[in-house]
Amino acid sequence: MEPIAVTVRGEGRWVLIHRCTNCGRLRLNKTAGDDNVLLLMRLAALPLTMPFIPFAAEPVAEPMAGVNGVTRKPRARKAKT
């Protein structure tokens, strides 16, 4: 079993989420008073170090090219009367 995450249950009780290294089954285990708080905080902050959505430092501007590199002018809208 390896610890993969931390969650919080009712009354602010921290619970470790373990994954079995053989079958992949997840199990919950309450934290104990003698658990290393620094390691618990590292597990809790782990999702912040690997965001689900990749962020770029600067957005890359793409050329406004259509099919085969031909650009088109936007259509003019007719005014409603």
PDB file of N, CA and C in Angstrom:
ATOM      1  N   MET A   1       0.842  -1.176   0.000  1.00  0.00           N
ATOM      2  CA  MET A   1       0.000   0.000   0.000  1.00  0.00           C
ATOM      3  C   MET A   1       0.887   1.240   0.000  1.00  0.00           C
ATOM      4  N   GLU A   2       0.534   2.192  -0.842  1.00  0.00           N
ATOM      5  CA  GLU A   2       1.271   3.453  -0.881  1.00  0.00           C
ATOM      6  C   GLU A   2       0.294   4.604  -0.690  1.00  0.00           C
ATOM      7  N   PRO A   3       0.649   5.613   0.104  1.00  0.00           N
ATOM      8  CA  PRO A   3      -0.236   6.769   0.273  1.00  0.00           C
ATOM      9  C   PRO A   3      -0.200   7.634  -0.987  1.00  0.00           C
ATOM     10  N   ILE A   4      -1.386   8.002  -1.480  1.00  0.00           N
ATOM     11  CA  ILE A   4      -1.425   8.803  -2.706  1.00  0.00           C
ATOM     12  C   ILE A   4      -2.096  10.150  -2.512  1.00  0.00           C
ATOM     13  N   ALA A   5      -2.902  10.305  -1.452  1.00  0.00           N
ATOM     14  CA  ALA A   5      -3.610  11.572  -1.261  1.00  0.00           C
ATOM     15  C   ALA A   5      -4.116  11.667   0.173  1.00  0.00           C
ATOM     16  N   VAL A   6      -4.616  12.853   0.505  1.00  0.00           N
ATOM     17  CA  VAL A   6      -5.217  13.120   1.806  1.00  0.00           C
ATOM     18  C   VAL A   6      -6.567  13.773   1.556  1.00  0.00           C
ATOM     19  N   THR A   7      -7.547  13.413   2.352  1.00  0.00           N
ATOM     20  CA  THR A   7      -8.851  14.063   2.277  1.00  0.00           C
ATOM     21  C   THR A   7      -9.282  14.409   3.694  1.00  0.00           C
ATOM     22  N   VAL A   8     -10.312  15.212   3.816  1.00  0.00           N
ATOM     23  CA  VAL A   8     -10.804  15.618   5.126  1.00  0.00           C
ATOM     24  C   VAL A   8     -12.228  15.116   5.269  1.00  0.00           C
ATOM     25  N   ARG A   9     -12.497  14.438   6.352  1.00  0.00           N
ATOM     26  CA  ARG A   9     -13.829  13.940   6.664  1.00  0.00           C
ATOM     27  C   ARG A   9     -14.470  14.861   7.689  1.00  0.00           C
ATOM     28  N   GLY A  10     -15.632  14.484   8.154  1.00  0.00           N
ATOM     29  CA  GLY A  10     -16.358  15.290   9.136  1.00  0.00           C
ATOM     30  C   GLY A  10     -15.523  15.642  10.346  1.00  0.00           C
ATOM     31  N   GLU A  11     -15.831  16.762  10.953  1.00  0.00           N
ATOM     32  CA  GLU A  11     -15.144  17.294  12.132  1.00  0.00           C
ATOM     33  C   GLU A  11     -13.675  17.595  11.873  1.00  0.00           C
ATOM     34  N   GLY A  12     -13.294  17.780  10.593  1.00  0.00           N
ATOM     35  CA  GLY A  12     -11.924  18.158  10.262  1.00  0.00           C
ATOM     36  C   GLY A  12     -10.910  17.044  10.413  1.00  0.00           C
ATOM     37  N   ARG A  13     -11.364  15.810  10.433  1.00  0.00           N
ATOM     38  CA  ARG A  13     -10.464  14.657  10.586  1.00  0.00           C
ATOM     39  C   ARG A  13      -9.799  14.332   9.258  1.00  0.00           C
ATOM     40  N   TRP A  14      -8.470  14.276   9.228  1.00  0.00           N
ATOM     41  CA  TRP A  14      -7.729  13.957   8.018  1.00  0.00           C
ATOM     42  C   TRP A  14      -7.710  12.454   7.804  1.00  0.00           C
ATOM     43  N   VAL A  15      -7.852  12.042   6.550  1.00  0.00           N
ATOM     44  CA  VAL A  15      -7.866  10.629   6.190  1.00  0.00           C
ATOM     45  C   VAL A  15      -6.903  10.429   5.029  1.00  0.00           C
ATOM     46  N   LEU A  16      -6.043   9.412   5.143  1.00  0.00           N
ATOM     47  CA  LEU A  16      -5.107   9.067   4.073  1.00  0.00           C
ATOM     48  C   LEU A  16      -5.792   8.146   3.071  1.00  0.00           C
ATOM     49  N   ILE A  17      -5.494   8.353   1.805  1.00  0.00           N
ATOM     50  CA  ILE A  17      -5.965   7.453   0.756  1.00  0.00           C
ATOM     51  C   ILE A  17      -4.768   6.652   0.294  1.00  0.00           C
ATOM     52  N   HIS A  18      -4.865   5.339   0.439  1.00  0.00           N
ATOM     53  CA  HIS A  18      -3.792   4.421   0.044  1.00  0.00           C
ATOM     54  C   HIS A  18      -4.230   3.642  -1.181  1.00  0.00           C
ATOM     55  N   ARG A  19      -3.261   3.328  -2.049  1.00  0.00           N
ATOM     56  CA  ARG A  19      -3.519   2.467  -3.203  1.00  0.00           C
ATOM     57  C   ARG A  19      -2.651   1.221  -3.081  1.00  0.00           C
ATOM     58  N   CYS A  20      -3.271   0.058  -3.299  1.00  0.00           N
ATOM     59  CA  CYS A  20      -2.539  -1.204  -3.254  1.00  0.00           C
ATOM     60  C   CYS A  20      -1.611  -1.269  -4.467  1.00  0.00           C
ATOM     61  N   THR A  21      -0.351  -1.616  -4.225  1.00  0.00           N
ATOM     62  CA  THR A  21       0.615  -1.676  -5.323  1.00  0.00           C
ATOM     63  C   THR A  21       0.406  -2.908  -6.196  1.00  0.00           C
ATOM     64  N   ASN A  22      -0.322  -3.912  -5.700  1.00  0.00           N
ATOM     65  CA  ASN A  22      -0.571  -5.123  -6.489  1.00  0.00           C
ATOM     66  C   ASN A  22      -1.824  -5.005  -7.348  1.00  0.00           C
ATOM     67  N   CYS A  23      -2.962  -4.654  -6.720  1.00  0.00           N
ATOM     68  CA  CYS A  23      -4.234  -4.675  -7.456  1.00  0.00           C
ATOM     69  C   CYS A  23      -4.791  -3.291  -7.771  1.00  0.00           C
ATOM     70  N   GLY A  24      -4.264  -2.217  -7.133  1.00  0.00           N
ATOM     71  CA  GLY A  24      -4.731  -0.868  -7.401  1.00  0.00           C
ATOM     72  C   GLY A  24      -5.935  -0.450  -6.577  1.00  0.00           C
ATOM     73  N   ARG A  25      -6.382  -1.282  -5.645  1.00  0.00           N
ATOM     74  CA  ARG A  25      -7.553  -0.964  -4.820  1.00  0.00           C
ATOM     75  C   ARG A  25      -7.244   0.211  -3.899  1.00  0.00           C
ATOM     76  N   LEU A  26      -8.222   1.092  -3.720  1.00  0.00           N
ATOM     77  CA  LEU A  26      -8.061   2.255  -2.852  1.00  0.00           C
ATOM     78  C   LEU A  26      -8.651   1.959  -1.478  1.00  0.00           C
ATOM     79  N   ARG A  27      -7.976   2.406  -0.437  1.00  0.00           N
ATOM     80  CA  ARG A  27      -8.455   2.244   0.928  1.00  0.00           C
ATOM     81  C   ARG A  27      -8.247   3.546   1.686  1.00  0.00           C
ATOM     82  N   LEU A  28      -9.142   3.818   2.622  1.00  0.00           N
ATOM     83  CA  LEU A  28      -9.049   4.996   3.475  1.00  0.00           C
ATOM     84  C   LEU A  28      -8.530   4.577   4.840  1.00  0.00           C
ATOM     85  N   ASN A  29      -7.692   5.428   5.442  1.00  0.00           N
ATOM     86  CA  ASN A  29      -7.117   5.141   6.743  1.00  0.00           C
ATOM     87  C   ASN A  29      -7.029   6.456   7.517  1.00  0.00           C
ATOM     88  N   LYS A  30      -7.596   6.482   8.720  1.00  0.00           N
ATOM     89  CA  LYS A  30      -7.535   7.685   9.547  1.00  0.00           C
ATOM     90  C   LYS A  30      -6.090   7.990   9.920  1.00  0.00           C
ATOM     91  N   THR A  31      -5.784   9.281  10.025  1.00  0.00           N
ATOM     92  CA  THR A  31      -4.441   9.663  10.449  1.00  0.00           C
ATOM     93  C   THR A  31      -4.339   9.490  11.959  1.00  0.00           C
ATOM     94  N   ALA A  32      -3.137   9.227  12.407  1.00  0.00           N
ATOM     95  CA  ALA A  32      -2.886   9.054  13.837  1.00  0.00           C
ATOM     96  C   ALA A  32      -2.164  10.282  14.375  1.00  0.00           C
ATOM     97  N   GLY A  33      -2.145  10.405  15.667  1.00  0.00           N
ATOM     98  CA  GLY A  33      -1.496  11.543  16.311  1.00  0.00           C
ATOM     99  C   GLY A  33      -0.002  11.589  16.086  1.00  0.00           C
ATOM    100  N   ASP A  34       0.616  10.432  15.829  1.00  0.00           N
ATOM    101  CA  ASP A  34       2.067  10.407  15.639  1.00  0.00           C
ATOM    102  C   ASP A  34       2.476  10.432  14.166  1.00  0.00           C
ATOM    103  N   ASP A  35       1.526  10.663  13.247  1.00  0.00           N
ATOM    104  CA  ASP A  35       1.864  10.783  11.825  1.00  0.00           C
ATOM    105  C   ASP A  35       2.646  12.068  11.587  1.00  0.00           C
ATOM    106  N   ASN A  36       3.542  12.041  10.628  1.00  0.00           N
ATOM    107  CA  ASN A  36       4.382  13.186  10.301  1.00  0.00           C
ATOM    108  C   ASN A  36       3.526  14.242   9.584  1.00  0.00           C
ATOM    109  N   VAL A  37       3.318  15.367  10.242  1.00  0.00           N
ATOM    110  CA  VAL A  37       2.453  16.425   9.706  1.00  0.00           C
ATOM    111  C   VAL A  37       3.038  17.014   8.427  1.00  0.00           C
ATOM    112  N   LEU A  38       4.350  17.117   8.347  1.00  0.00           N
ATOM    113  CA  LEU A  38       4.983  17.660   7.152  1.00  0.00           C
ATOM    114  C   LEU A  38       4.701  16.775   5.934  1.00  0.00           C
ATOM    115  N   LEU A  39       4.786  15.457   6.115  1.00  0.00           N
ATOM    116  CA  LEU A  39       4.491  14.547   5.008  1.00  0.00           C
ATOM    117  C   LEU A  39       3.013  14.599   4.619  1.00  0.00           C
ATOM    118  N   LEU A  40       2.127  14.765   5.600  1.00  0.00           N
ATOM    119  CA  LEU A  40       0.694  14.904   5.296  1.00  0.00           C
ATOM    120  C   LEU A  40       0.440  16.168   4.482  1.00  0.00           C
ATOM    121  N   MET A  41       1.116  17.259   4.833  1.00  0.00           N
ATOM    122  CA  MET A  41       0.951  18.510   4.092  1.00  0.00           C
ATOM    123  C   MET A  41       1.503  18.378   2.670  1.00  0.00           C
ATOM    124  N   ARG A  42       2.602  17.647   2.509  1.00  0.00           N
ATOM    125  CA  ARG A  42       3.154  17.427   1.167  1.00  0.00           C
ATOM    126  C   ARG A  42       2.178  16.641   0.306  1.00  0.00           C
ATOM    127  N   LEU A  43       1.526  15.634   0.888  1.00  0.00           N
ATOM    128  CA  LEU A  43       0.519  14.878   0.140  1.00  0.00           C
ATOM    129  C   LEU A  43      -0.676  15.753  -0.216  1.00  0.00           C
ATOM    130  N   ALA A  44      -1.076  16.609   0.719  1.00  0.00           N
ATOM    131  CA  ALA A  44      -2.217  17.482   0.475  1.00  0.00           C
ATOM    132  C   ALA A  44      -1.920  18.496  -0.630  1.00  0.00           C
ATOM    133  N   ALA A  45      -0.675  18.961  -0.727  1.00  0.00           N
ATOM    134  CA  ALA A  45      -0.300  19.967  -1.719  1.00  0.00           C
ATOM    135  C   ALA A  45       0.095  19.361  -3.056  1.00  0.00           C
ATOM    136  N   LEU A  46       0.196  18.051  -3.146  1.00  0.00           N
ATOM    137  CA  LEU A  46       0.641  17.400  -4.375  1.00  0.00           C
ATOM    138  C   LEU A  46      -0.201  17.779  -5.598  1.00  0.00           C
ATOM    139  N   PRO A  47      -1.536  17.844  -5.519  1.00  0.00           N
ATOM    140  CA  PRO A  47      -2.302  18.248  -6.709  1.00  0.00           C
ATOM    141  C   PRO A  47      -1.987  19.664  -7.196  1.00  0.00           C
ATOM    142  N   LEU A  48      -1.522  20.528  -6.316  1.00  0.00           N
ATOM    143  CA  LEU A  48      -1.178  21.892  -6.727  1.00  0.00           C
ATOM    144  C   LEU A  48       0.086  21.929  -7.572  1.00  0.00           C
ATOM    145  N   THR A  49       0.935  20.926  -7.429  1.00  0.00           N
ATOM    146  CA  THR A  49       2.174  20.894  -8.197  1.00  0.00           C
ATOM    147  C   THR A  49       1.971  20.312  -9.587  1.00  0.00           C
ATOM    148  N   MET A  50       0.852  19.618  -9.804  1.00  0.00           N
ATOM    149  CA  MET A  50       0.555  19.007 -11.097  1.00  0.00           C
ATOM    150  C   MET A  50      -0.860  19.384 -11.524  1.00  0.00           C
ATOM    151  N   PRO A  51      -1.078  20.609 -12.017  1.00  0.00           N
ATOM    152  CA  PRO A  51      -2.430  21.016 -12.380  1.00  0.00           C
ATOM    153  C   PRO A  51      -2.987  20.172 -13.519  1.00  0.00           C
ATOM    154  N   PHE A  52      -4.302  19.963 -13.487  1.00  0.00           N
ATOM    155  CA  PHE A  52      -4.978  19.176 -14.506  1.00  0.00           C
ATOM    156  C   PHE A  52      -4.904  19.871 -15.863  1.00  0.00           C
ATOM    157  N   ILE A  53      -5.037  21.195 -15.866  1.00  0.00           N
ATOM    158  CA  ILE A  53      -4.982  21.981 -17.095  1.00  0.00           C
ATOM    159  C   ILE A  53      -3.577  22.562 -17.217  1.00  0.00           C
ATOM    160  N   PRO A  54      -2.873  22.252 -18.289  1.00  0.00           N
ATOM    161  CA  PRO A  54      -1.521  22.815 -18.431  1.00  0.00           C
ATOM    162  C   PRO A  54      -1.582  24.319 -18.684  1.00  0.00           C
ATOM    163  N   PHE A  55      -0.815  25.050 -17.932  1.00  0.00           N
ATOM    164  CA  PHE A  55      -0.769  26.500 -18.082  1.00  0.00           C
ATOM    165  C   PHE A  55       0.509  26.884 -18.815  1.00  0.00           C
ATOM    166  N   ALA A  56       0.391  27.814 -19.761  1.00  0.00           N
ATOM    167  CA  ALA A  56       1.552  28.305 -20.493  1.00  0.00           C
ATOM    168  C   ALA A  56       1.935  29.653 -19.916  1.00  0.00           C
ATOM    169  N   ALA A  57       3.215  29.975 -19.958  1.00  0.00           N
ATOM    170  CA  ALA A  57       3.678  31.256 -19.441  1.00  0.00           C
ATOM    171  C   ALA A  57       3.106  32.401 -20.257  1.00  0.00           C
ATOM    172  N   GLU A  58       3.145  32.285 -21.572  1.00  0.00           N
ATOM    173  CA  GLU A  58       2.587  33.303 -22.459  1.00  0.00           C
ATOM    174  C   GLU A  58       1.789  32.603 -23.542  1.00  0.00           C
ATOM    175  N   PRO A  59       0.581  33.090 -23.832  1.00  0.00           N
ATOM    176  CA  PRO A  59      -0.175  32.467 -24.921  1.00  0.00           C
ATOM    177  C   PRO A  59       0.514  32.713 -26.262  1.00  0.00           C
ATOM    178  N   VAL A  60       0.528  31.716 -27.083  1.00  0.00           N
ATOM    179  CA  VAL A  60       1.159  31.810 -28.392  1.00  0.00           C
ATOM    180  C   VAL A  60       0.124  32.297 -29.388  1.00  0.00           C
ATOM    181  N   ALA A  61       0.428  33.384 -30.073  1.00  0.00           N
ATOM    182  CA  ALA A  61      -0.491  33.936 -31.066  1.00  0.00           C
ATOM    183  C   ALA A  61      -0.414  33.098 -32.333  1.00  0.00           C
ATOM    184  N   GLU A  62      -1.571  32.631 -32.795  1.00  0.00           N
ATOM    185  CA  GLU A  62      -1.609  31.850 -34.027  1.00  0.00           C
ATOM    186  C   GLU A  62      -2.057  32.737 -35.175  1.00  0.00           C
ATOM    187  N   PRO A  63      -1.519  32.534 -36.355  1.00  0.00           N
ATOM    188  CA  PRO A  63      -1.943  33.334 -37.497  1.00  0.00           C
ATOM    189  C   PRO A  63      -3.396  33.041 -37.845  1.00  0.00           C
ATOM    190  N   MET A  64      -4.072  34.040 -38.365  1.00  0.00           N
ATOM    191  CA  MET A  64      -5.479  33.904 -38.748  1.00  0.00           C
ATOM    192  C   MET A  64      -5.554  33.341 -40.161  1.00  0.00           C
ATOM    193  N   ALA A  65      -5.106  32.139 -40.320  1.00  0.00           N
ATOM    194  CA  ALA A  65      -5.091  31.531 -41.649  1.00  0.00           C
ATOM    195  C   ALA A  65      -6.229  30.533 -41.764  1.00  0.00           C
ATOM    196  N   GLY A  66      -6.850  30.531 -42.933  1.00  0.00           N
ATOM    197  CA  GLY A  66      -7.910  29.575 -43.197  1.00  0.00           C
ATOM    198  C   GLY A  66      -7.336  28.321 -43.820  1.00  0.00           C
ATOM    199  N   VAL A  67      -8.118  27.675 -44.653  1.00  0.00           N
ATOM    200  CA  VAL A  67      -7.684  26.456 -45.319  1.00  0.00           C
ATOM    201  C   VAL A  67      -6.585  26.798 -46.313  1.00  0.00           C
ATOM    202  N   ASN A  68      -5.535  26.042 -46.324  1.00  0.00           N
ATOM    203  CA  ASN A  68      -4.383  26.208 -47.222  1.00  0.00           C
ATOM    204  C   ASN A  68      -3.713  27.568 -47.069  1.00  0.00           C
ATOM    205  N   GLY A  69      -3.795  28.164 -45.888  1.00  0.00           N
ATOM    206  CA  GLY A  69      -3.112  29.421 -45.639  1.00  0.00           C
ATOM    207  C   GLY A  69      -3.822  30.645 -46.193  1.00  0.00           C
ATOM    208  N   VAL A  70      -5.026  30.482 -46.745  1.00  0.00           N
ATOM    209  CA  VAL A  70      -5.771  31.607 -47.308  1.00  0.00           C
ATOM    210  C   VAL A  70      -6.588  32.247 -46.194  1.00  0.00           C
ATOM    211  N   THR A  71      -6.415  33.543 -46.032  1.00  0.00           N
ATOM    212  CA  THR A  71      -7.183  34.236 -45.005  1.00  0.00           C
ATOM    213  C   THR A  71      -8.463  34.786 -45.612  1.00  0.00           C
ATOM    214  N   ARG A  72      -9.493  34.821 -44.786  1.00  0.00           N
ATOM    215  CA  ARG A  72     -10.786  35.341 -45.241  1.00  0.00           C
ATOM    216  C   ARG A  72     -11.182  36.530 -44.399  1.00  0.00           C
ATOM    217  N   LYS A  73     -11.920  37.436 -45.007  1.00  0.00           N
ATOM    218  CA  LYS A  73     -12.471  38.552 -44.277  1.00  0.00           C
ATOM    219  C   LYS A  73     -13.730  38.089 -43.570  1.00  0.00           C
ATOM    220  N   PRO A  74     -14.020  38.614 -42.395  1.00  0.00           N
ATOM    221  CA  PRO A  74     -15.263  38.250 -41.736  1.00  0.00           C
ATOM    222  C   PRO A  74     -16.453  38.813 -42.517  1.00  0.00           C
ATOM    223  N   ARG A  75     -17.560  38.062 -42.487  1.00  0.00           N
ATOM    224  CA  ARG A  75     -18.768  38.503 -43.199  1.00  0.00           C
ATOM    225  C   ARG A  75     -19.373  39.722 -42.507  1.00  0.00           C
ATOM    226  N   ALA A  76     -19.866  40.626 -43.325  1.00  0.00           N
ATOM    227  CA  ALA A  76     -20.540  41.798 -42.790  1.00  0.00           C
ATOM    228  C   ALA A  76     -21.966  41.394 -42.428  1.00  0.00           C
ATOM    229  N   ARG A  77     -22.426  41.812 -41.271  1.00  0.00           N
ATOM    230  CA  ARG A  77     -23.788  41.504 -40.846  1.00  0.00           C
ATOM    231  C   ARG A  77     -24.739  42.536 -41.384  1.00  0.00           C
ATOM    232  N   LYS A  78     -25.911  42.064 -41.745  1.00  0.00           N
ATOM    233  CA  LYS A  78     -26.941  42.991 -42.205  1.00  0.00           C
ATOM    234  C   LYS A  78     -27.595  43.631 -40.995  1.00  0.00           C
ATOM    235  N   ALA A  79     -27.882  44.906 -41.135  1.00  0.00           N
ATOM    236  CA  ALA A  79     -28.542  45.623 -40.051  1.00  0.00           C
ATOM    237  C   ALA A  79     -30.009  45.252 -40.024  1.00  0.00           C
ATOM    238  N   LYS A  80     -30.531  45.033 -38.810  1.00  0.00           N
ATOM    239  CA  LYS A  80     -31.954  44.709 -38.682  1.00  0.00           C
ATOM    240  C   LYS A  80     -32.756  45.992 -38.801  1.00  0.00           C
ATOM    241  N   THR A  81     -33.852  45.910 -39.552  1.00  0.00           N
ATOM    242  CA  THR A  81     -34.695  47.093 -39.714  1.00  0.00           C
ATOM    243  C   THR A  81     -36.037  46.896 -39.070  1.00  0.00           C
TER     244      THR A  81
END
